[in-house]
Amino acid sequence: MNFLTRCALLLVVTSISINTWATDLNTEPQKLGYIIGMDIGKSLREQGADVDIDTLLEAVRATYDGKELAMTEEEAAAVREEYVAKRQSEQQAEASAAGAENAAEGAAFLAANKSKEGVKTTESGLQYKVVTMGDGAKPVATDTVKVHYRGTLLDGTEFDSSYSRNEPITFALDRVIPGWTEGVQLMPIGSKYVFYVPSELAYGEAGGGPIPPNSTLQFEVELLDIENTAE
């Protein structure tokens, strides 16, 4: 349901004055009208839309009553299209700036981290540190493995953890981010490593979910078992 439809519904289901919504909520239509108003207000706030509420309500009432409107449908469509394009441009600029900042932060971190005791760097740029060295077999890229892990951003924010769920995860090693595909193959069963994954070996410029664009990631990974082998 689009925004104007929701506003129209609000006026249909409530028979009271707008000015009494906050104080007179005795009937079911009044309560329902107020709830819909709460939803609309929350949606506008989350979108960050700079909207004049009085003008908005005036347009809703005029449209519902069938009165002459201050804009034609064509004019409204043009304003809407311009607004959407502007918002998309602003969001892209914000994402680009955040991505550039994250990339610089990640590069500085990795440059300093590679000289720390116990940290090794592979040809791809993946960094890792052995916490516990196991004595089992090592997987290959076509294997399915069982691991416990914890993933954090450079500021320490945890974005995922099988430890928190108290449940290891099983996955095909060639179906994950490149940093994992490469790194877990270095681990004998029973090992625990810390991986420092450059953004290009993780989620790159796009990011994903709670992971911002161009983020260098840190993973604690414990290889529990190889579920099956290529054979």
C-alpha atoms as a PDB file:
ATOM      1  CA  MET A   1       0.000   0.000   0.000  1.00  0.00           C
ATOM      2  CA  ASN A   2       1.516   3.336  -1.026  1.00  0.00           C
ATOM      3  CA  PHE A   3       1.706   6.383   1.171  1.00  0.00           C
ATOM      4  CA  LEU A   4      -1.296   8.289  -0.214  1.00  0.00           C
ATOM      5  CA  THR A   5      -3.487   5.200  -0.116  1.00  0.00           C
ATOM      6  CA  ARG A   6      -2.610   4.698   3.530  1.00  0.00           C
ATOM      7  CA  CYS A   7      -3.480   8.330   4.269  1.00  0.00           C
ATOM      8  CA  ALA A   8      -6.804   7.982   2.479  1.00  0.00           C
ATOM      9  CA  LEU A   9      -7.555   4.843   4.479  1.00  0.00           C
ATOM     10  CA  LEU A  10      -6.798   6.794   7.625  1.00  0.00           C
ATOM     11  CA  LEU A  11      -9.518   9.304   6.752  1.00  0.00           C
ATOM     12  CA  VAL A  12     -11.984   6.584   5.812  1.00  0.00           C
ATOM     13  CA  VAL A  13     -11.699   4.649   9.049  1.00  0.00           C
ATOM     14  CA  THR A  14     -11.742   7.630  11.399  1.00  0.00           C
ATOM     15  CA  SER A  15     -14.730   9.969  11.716  1.00  0.00           C
ATOM     16  CA  ILE A  16     -13.140  12.414  14.121  1.00  0.00           C
ATOM     17  CA  SER A  17     -11.199  15.613  13.667  1.00  0.00           C
ATOM     18  CA  ILE A  18      -7.448  15.385  13.150  1.00  0.00           C
ATOM     19  CA  ASN A  19      -6.968  17.565  16.204  1.00  0.00           C
ATOM     20  CA  THR A  20      -8.620  14.989  18.510  1.00  0.00           C
ATOM     21  CA  TRP A  21      -6.562  11.925  17.512  1.00  0.00           C
ATOM     22  CA  ALA A  22      -4.086  12.277  20.356  1.00  0.00           C
ATOM     23  CA  THR A  23      -6.705  12.732  23.075  1.00  0.00           C
ATOM     24  CA  ASP A  24      -9.900  10.968  21.975  1.00  0.00           C
ATOM     25  CA  LEU A  25      -9.277   7.285  21.290  1.00  0.00           C
ATOM     26  CA  ASN A  26     -12.471   5.709  22.503  1.00  0.00           C
ATOM     27  CA  THR A  27     -13.797   3.910  19.435  1.00  0.00           C
ATOM     28  CA  GLU A  28     -12.211   1.243  17.269  1.00  0.00           C
ATOM     29  CA  PRO A  29     -12.097   3.529  14.163  1.00  0.00           C
ATOM     30  CA  GLN A  30     -10.351   6.201  16.215  1.00  0.00           C
ATOM     31  CA  LYS A  31      -7.774   3.758  17.529  1.00  0.00           C
ATOM     32  CA  LEU A  32      -7.194   2.234  14.102  1.00  0.00           C
ATOM     33  CA  GLY A  33      -6.836   5.662  12.563  1.00  0.00           C
ATOM     34  CA  TYR A  34      -4.266   6.629  15.160  1.00  0.00           C
ATOM     35  CA  ILE A  35      -2.281   3.411  14.621  1.00  0.00           C
ATOM     36  CA  ILE A  36      -2.161   4.016  10.859  1.00  0.00           C
ATOM     37  CA  GLY A  37      -1.020   7.566  11.545  1.00  0.00           C
ATOM     38  CA  MET A  38       1.757   6.221  13.759  1.00  0.00           C
ATOM     39  CA  ASP A  39       2.866   3.907  10.946  1.00  0.00           C
ATOM     40  CA  ILE A  40       2.925   6.743   8.431  1.00  0.00           C
ATOM     41  CA  GLY A  41       4.866   9.016  10.769  1.00  0.00           C
ATOM     42  CA  LYS A  42       7.386   6.281  11.522  1.00  0.00           C
ATOM     43  CA  SER A  43       7.853   5.545   7.813  1.00  0.00           C
ATOM     44  CA  LEU A  44       8.453   9.211   7.010  1.00  0.00           C
ATOM     45  CA  ARG A  45      10.918   9.585   9.874  1.00  0.00           C
ATOM     46  CA  GLU A  46      12.881   6.481   8.849  1.00  0.00           C
ATOM     47  CA  GLN A  47      13.044   7.655   5.243  1.00  0.00           C
ATOM     48  CA  GLY A  48      14.340  11.035   6.371  1.00  0.00           C
ATOM     49  CA  ALA A  49      11.775  12.746   4.162  1.00  0.00           C
ATOM     50  CA  ASP A  50      11.490  16.519   4.628  1.00  0.00           C
ATOM     51  CA  VAL A  51       7.693  16.708   4.508  1.00  0.00           C
ATOM     52  CA  ASP A  52       5.347  19.469   5.631  1.00  0.00           C
ATOM     53  CA  ILE A  53       2.726  17.495   7.547  1.00  0.00           C
ATOM     54  CA  ASP A  54       0.022  20.185   7.308  1.00  0.00           C
ATOM     55  CA  THR A  55       0.368  20.299   3.519  1.00  0.00           C
ATOM     56  CA  LEU A  56       0.347  16.510   3.373  1.00  0.00           C
ATOM     57  CA  LEU A  57      -2.917  16.283   5.326  1.00  0.00           C
ATOM     58  CA  GLU A  58      -4.447  19.043   3.230  1.00  0.00           C
ATOM     59  CA  ALA A  59      -3.686  17.084   0.054  1.00  0.00           C
ATOM     60  CA  VAL A  60      -5.078  13.867   1.548  1.00  0.00           C
ATOM     61  CA  ARG A  61      -8.326  15.513   2.564  1.00  0.00           C
ATOM     62  CA  ALA A  62      -8.729  17.351  -0.753  1.00  0.00           C
ATOM     63  CA  THR A  63      -8.125  14.149  -2.702  1.00  0.00           C
ATOM     64  CA  TYR A  64     -10.526  12.157  -0.531  1.00  0.00           C
ATOM     65  CA  ASP A  65     -13.236  14.838  -0.795  1.00  0.00           C
ATOM     66  CA  GLY A  66     -12.815  15.070  -4.584  1.00  0.00           C
ATOM     67  CA  LYS A  67     -11.854  18.747  -4.512  1.00  0.00           C
ATOM     68  CA  GLU A  68      -9.629  20.535  -7.009  1.00  0.00           C
ATOM     69  CA  LEU A  69      -5.970  19.797  -6.342  1.00  0.00           C
ATOM     70  CA  ALA A  70      -3.024  22.181  -6.419  1.00  0.00           C
ATOM     71  CA  MET A  71      -1.083  19.782  -8.676  1.00  0.00           C
ATOM     72  CA  THR A  72      -1.979  17.733 -11.705  1.00  0.00           C
ATOM     73  CA  GLU A  73      -1.058  14.045 -11.816  1.00  0.00           C
ATOM     74  CA  GLU A  74       1.633  14.873 -14.369  1.00  0.00           C
ATOM     75  CA  GLU A  75       3.141  17.588 -12.158  1.00  0.00           C
ATOM     76  CA  ALA A  76       3.088  15.285  -9.150  1.00  0.00           C
ATOM     77  CA  ALA A  77       4.803  12.522 -11.131  1.00  0.00           C
ATOM     78  CA  ALA A  78       7.555  14.929 -12.214  1.00  0.00           C
ATOM     79  CA  VAL A  79       8.167  16.111  -8.635  1.00  0.00           C
ATOM     80  CA  ARG A  80       8.160  12.530  -7.376  1.00  0.00           C
ATOM     81  CA  GLU A  81      10.644  11.427 -10.027  1.00  0.00           C
ATOM     82  CA  GLU A  82      12.945  14.360  -9.261  1.00  0.00           C
ATOM     83  CA  TYR A  83      12.801  13.643  -5.522  1.00  0.00           C
ATOM     84  CA  VAL A  84      13.584   9.940  -5.965  1.00  0.00           C
ATOM     85  CA  ALA A  85      16.520  10.723  -8.255  1.00  0.00           C
ATOM     86  CA  LYS A  86      17.867  13.259  -5.766  1.00  0.00           C
ATOM     87  CA  ARG A  87      17.595  10.813  -2.852  1.00  0.00           C
ATOM     88  CA  GLN A  88      19.309   8.058  -4.826  1.00  0.00           C
ATOM     89  CA  SER A  89      22.132  10.415  -5.735  1.00  0.00           C
ATOM     90  CA  GLU A  90      22.565  11.458  -2.110  1.00  0.00           C
ATOM     91  CA  GLN A  91      22.569   7.864  -0.922  1.00  0.00           C
ATOM     92  CA  GLN A  92      25.123   6.867  -3.549  1.00  0.00           C
ATOM     93  CA  ALA A  93      27.358   9.763  -2.521  1.00  0.00           C
ATOM     94  CA  GLU A  94      27.075   8.774   1.148  1.00  0.00           C
ATOM     95  CA  ALA A  95      27.857   5.136   0.349  1.00  0.00           C
ATOM     96  CA  SER A  96      30.830   6.162  -1.800  1.00  0.00           C
ATOM     97  CA  ALA A  97      32.243   8.372   0.949  1.00  0.00           C
ATOM     98  CA  ALA A  98      31.766   5.656   3.557  1.00  0.00           C
ATOM     99  CA  GLY A  99      33.355   3.091   1.244  1.00  0.00           C
ATOM    100  CA  ALA A 100      36.400   5.280   0.652  1.00  0.00           C
ATOM    101  CA  GLU A 101      36.810   5.841   4.387  1.00  0.00           C
ATOM    102  CA  ASN A 102      36.490   2.109   5.106  1.00  0.00           C
ATOM    103  CA  ALA A 103      38.992   1.241   2.371  1.00  0.00           C
ATOM    104  CA  ALA A 104      41.555   3.667   3.786  1.00  0.00           C
ATOM    105  CA  GLU A 105      40.999   2.392   7.314  1.00  0.00           C
ATOM    106  CA  GLY A 106      41.369  -1.210   6.157  1.00  0.00           C
ATOM    107  CA  ALA A 107      44.572  -0.525   4.230  1.00  0.00           C
ATOM    108  CA  ALA A 108      46.122   1.228   7.235  1.00  0.00           C
ATOM    109  CA  PHE A 109      45.116  -1.608   9.545  1.00  0.00           C
ATOM    110  CA  LEU A 110      46.551  -4.326   7.316  1.00  0.00           C
ATOM    111  CA  ALA A 111      49.772  -2.399   6.774  1.00  0.00           C
ATOM    112  CA  ALA A 112      50.326  -2.184  10.521  1.00  0.00           C
ATOM    113  CA  ASN A 113      49.009  -5.650  11.286  1.00  0.00           C
ATOM    114  CA  LYS A 114      51.304  -7.566   8.934  1.00  0.00           C
ATOM    115  CA  SER A 115      54.371  -6.802  11.048  1.00  0.00           C
ATOM    116  CA  LYS A 116      52.809  -8.009  14.290  1.00  0.00           C
ATOM    117  CA  GLU A 117      54.132 -11.147  15.907  1.00  0.00           C
ATOM    118  CA  GLY A 118      52.630 -14.340  14.518  1.00  0.00           C
ATOM    119  CA  VAL A 119      50.806 -12.677  11.638  1.00  0.00           C
ATOM    120  CA  LYS A 120      51.436 -14.091   8.172  1.00  0.00           C
ATOM    121  CA  THR A 121      50.365 -12.674   4.826  1.00  0.00           C
ATOM    122  CA  THR A 122      49.551 -14.755   1.759  1.00  0.00           C
ATOM    123  CA  GLU A 123      50.120 -13.733  -1.847  1.00  0.00           C
ATOM    124  CA  SER A 124      46.496 -12.625  -2.183  1.00  0.00           C
ATOM    125  CA  GLY A 125      46.814 -10.239   0.764  1.00  0.00           C
ATOM    126  CA  LEU A 126      44.972 -12.432   3.248  1.00  0.00           C
ATOM    127  CA  GLN A 127      46.484 -12.213   6.731  1.00  0.00           C
ATOM    128  CA  TYR A 128      46.190 -14.871   9.404  1.00  0.00           C
ATOM    129  CA  LYS A 129      47.466 -15.832  12.805  1.00  0.00           C
ATOM    130  CA  VAL A 130      47.560 -19.328  14.298  1.00  0.00           C
ATOM    131  CA  VAL A 131      45.920 -19.511  17.728  1.00  0.00           C
ATOM    132  CA  THR A 132      45.867 -23.307  18.001  1.00  0.00           C
ATOM    133  CA  MET A 133      47.472 -25.684  15.493  1.00  0.00           C
ATOM    134  CA  GLY A 134      45.596 -28.922  14.975  1.00  0.00           C
ATOM    135  CA  ASP A 135      46.998 -32.181  13.693  1.00  0.00           C
ATOM    136  CA  GLY A 136      44.188 -33.360  11.409  1.00  0.00           C
ATOM    137  CA  ALA A 137      43.773 -33.283   7.657  1.00  0.00           C
ATOM    138  CA  LYS A 138      43.507 -30.038   5.688  1.00  0.00           C
ATOM    139  CA  PRO A 139      40.484 -29.460   3.464  1.00  0.00           C
ATOM    140  CA  VAL A 140      40.567 -28.582  -0.226  1.00  0.00           C
ATOM    141  CA  ALA A 141      38.339 -26.067  -1.985  1.00  0.00           C
ATOM    142  CA  THR A 142      35.768 -28.688  -3.015  1.00  0.00           C
ATOM    143  CA  ASP A 143      35.291 -30.005   0.525  1.00  0.00           C
ATOM    144  CA  THR A 144      32.423 -29.325   2.884  1.00  0.00           C
ATOM    145  CA  VAL A 145      33.652 -28.246   6.300  1.00  0.00           C
ATOM    146  CA  LYS A 146      32.248 -27.768   9.780  1.00  0.00           C
ATOM    147  CA  VAL A 147      33.454 -24.717  11.691  1.00  0.00           C
ATOM    148  CA  HIS A 148      32.838 -22.434  14.617  1.00  0.00           C
ATOM    149  CA  TYR A 149      33.506 -18.777  13.895  1.00  0.00           C
ATOM    150  CA  ARG A 150      33.084 -15.203  15.006  1.00  0.00           C
ATOM    151  CA  GLY A 151      33.175 -12.260  12.597  1.00  0.00           C
ATOM    152  CA  THR A 152      33.835  -8.647  13.576  1.00  0.00           C
ATOM    153  CA  LEU A 153      34.446  -5.291  11.949  1.00  0.00           C
ATOM    154  CA  LEU A 154      37.688  -3.475  12.683  1.00  0.00           C
ATOM    155  CA  ASP A 155      35.993  -1.479  15.434  1.00  0.00           C
ATOM    156  CA  GLY A 156      35.117  -4.716  17.210  1.00  0.00           C
ATOM    157  CA  THR A 157      31.454  -4.818  16.203  1.00  0.00           C
ATOM    158  CA  GLU A 158      30.336  -8.442  15.960  1.00  0.00           C
ATOM    159  CA  PHE A 159      28.215  -9.032  12.855  1.00  0.00           C
ATOM    160  CA  ASP A 160      27.920 -12.821  13.024  1.00  0.00           C
ATOM    161  CA  SER A 161      28.922 -15.675  15.306  1.00  0.00           C
ATOM    162  CA  SER A 162      28.212 -19.385  15.443  1.00  0.00           C
ATOM    163  CA  TYR A 163      29.486 -19.290  19.027  1.00  0.00           C
ATOM    164  CA  SER A 164      26.647 -16.930  19.967  1.00  0.00           C
ATOM    165  CA  ARG A 165      24.155 -19.338  18.426  1.00  0.00           C
ATOM    166  CA  ASN A 166      25.938 -22.267  20.094  1.00  0.00           C
ATOM    167  CA  GLU A 167      25.765 -24.111  16.789  1.00  0.00           C
ATOM    168  CA  PRO A 168      28.632 -24.768  14.339  1.00  0.00           C
ATOM    169  CA  ILE A 169      28.028 -24.134  10.664  1.00  0.00           C
ATOM    170  CA  THR A 170      28.615 -26.513   7.767  1.00  0.00           C
ATOM    171  CA  PHE A 171      29.266 -25.184   4.270  1.00  0.00           C
ATOM    172  CA  ALA A 172      30.935 -25.958   0.973  1.00  0.00           C
ATOM    173  CA  LEU A 173      34.313 -24.260   0.975  1.00  0.00           C
ATOM    174  CA  ASP A 174      33.922 -23.024  -2.598  1.00  0.00           C
ATOM    175  CA  ARG A 175      30.623 -21.278  -1.799  1.00  0.00           C
ATOM    176  CA  VAL A 176      31.903 -18.614   0.592  1.00  0.00           C
ATOM    177  CA  ILE A 177      33.938 -15.409   0.336  1.00  0.00           C
ATOM    178  CA  PRO A 178      37.407 -15.840  -1.222  1.00  0.00           C
ATOM    179  CA  GLY A 179      39.156 -15.076   2.072  1.00  0.00           C
ATOM    180  CA  TRP A 180      37.444 -18.061   3.675  1.00  0.00           C
ATOM    181  CA  THR A 181      37.972 -20.386   0.725  1.00  0.00           C
ATOM    182  CA  GLU A 182      41.695 -19.654   0.823  1.00  0.00           C
ATOM    183  CA  GLY A 183      42.146 -19.374   4.565  1.00  0.00           C
ATOM    184  CA  VAL A 184      40.331 -22.481   5.766  1.00  0.00           C
ATOM    185  CA  GLN A 185      42.407 -24.610   3.380  1.00  0.00           C
ATOM    186  CA  LEU A 186      45.440 -23.623   5.458  1.00  0.00           C
ATOM    187  CA  MET A 187      43.942 -25.166   8.597  1.00  0.00           C
ATOM    188  CA  PRO A 188      44.353 -28.749   9.791  1.00  0.00           C
ATOM    189  CA  ILE A 189      41.305 -30.121  11.609  1.00  0.00           C
ATOM    190  CA  GLY A 190      41.451 -29.052  15.260  1.00  0.00           C
ATOM    191  CA  SER A 191      43.028 -25.680  14.463  1.00  0.00           C
ATOM    192  CA  LYS A 192      41.876 -22.228  15.418  1.00  0.00           C
ATOM    193  CA  TYR A 193      43.055 -19.268  13.327  1.00  0.00           C
ATOM    194  CA  VAL A 194      42.357 -15.563  13.209  1.00  0.00           C
ATOM    195  CA  PHE A 195      41.907 -14.233   9.671  1.00  0.00           C
ATOM    196  CA  TYR A 196      42.227 -10.603   8.647  1.00  0.00           C
ATOM    197  CA  VAL A 197      40.359 -10.396   5.349  1.00  0.00           C
ATOM    198  CA  PRO A 198      40.822  -7.436   2.978  1.00  0.00           C
ATOM    199  CA  SER A 199      37.575  -6.134   1.503  1.00  0.00           C
ATOM    200  CA  GLU A 200      38.421  -7.453  -1.969  1.00  0.00           C
ATOM    201  CA  LEU A 201      38.520 -10.975  -0.481  1.00  0.00           C
ATOM    202  CA  ALA A 202      35.303 -10.357   1.465  1.00  0.00           C
ATOM    203  CA  TYR A 203      32.247  -8.344   0.387  1.00  0.00           C
ATOM    204  CA  GLY A 204      33.979  -5.595  -1.601  1.00  0.00           C
ATOM    205  CA  GLU A 205      32.404  -2.312  -2.609  1.00  0.00           C
ATOM    206  CA  ALA A 206      28.848  -3.606  -2.216  1.00  0.00           C
ATOM    207  CA  GLY A 207      29.146  -4.756   1.395  1.00  0.00           C
ATOM    208  CA  GLY A 208      26.288  -6.906   2.627  1.00  0.00           C
ATOM    209  CA  GLY A 209      23.748  -6.716   5.444  1.00  0.00           C
ATOM    210  CA  PRO A 210      25.512  -5.347   8.540  1.00  0.00           C
ATOM    211  CA  ILE A 211      28.852  -5.181   6.685  1.00  0.00           C
ATOM    212  CA  PRO A 212      29.563  -1.715   5.224  1.00  0.00           C
ATOM    213  CA  PRO A 213      31.176  -1.326   1.786  1.00  0.00           C
ATOM    214  CA  ASN A 214      34.947  -1.880   1.492  1.00  0.00           C
ATOM    215  CA  SER A 215      35.187  -3.348   4.991  1.00  0.00           C
ATOM    216  CA  THR A 216      38.243  -5.279   6.123  1.00  0.00           C
ATOM    217  CA  LEU A 217      36.960  -8.084   8.334  1.00  0.00           C
ATOM    218  CA  GLN A 218      38.364 -10.141  11.180  1.00  0.00           C
ATOM    219  CA  PHE A 219      37.315 -13.756  11.741  1.00  0.00           C
ATOM    220  CA  GLU A 220      38.107 -16.228  14.477  1.00  0.00           C
ATOM    221  CA  VAL A 221      37.686 -19.646  12.855  1.00  0.00           C
ATOM    222  CA  GLU A 222      37.878 -23.096  14.428  1.00  0.00           C
ATOM    223  CA  LEU A 223      37.941 -26.016  11.981  1.00  0.00           C
ATOM    224  CA  LEU A 224      36.009 -28.862  13.595  1.00  0.00           C
ATOM    225  CA  ASP A 225      35.711 -31.390  10.800  1.00  0.00           C
ATOM    226  CA  ILE A 226      35.727 -32.080   7.087  1.00  0.00           C
ATOM    227  CA  GLU A 227      32.242 -33.391   6.377  1.00  0.00           C
ATOM    228  CA  ASN A 228      33.089 -34.871   2.984  1.00  0.00           C
ATOM    229  CA  THR A 229      35.941 -34.747   0.469  1.00  0.00           C
ATOM    230  CA  ALA A 230      36.070 -34.240  -3.253  1.00  0.00           C
ATOM    231  CA  GLU A 231      36.109 -38.012  -3.695  1.00  0.00           C
END
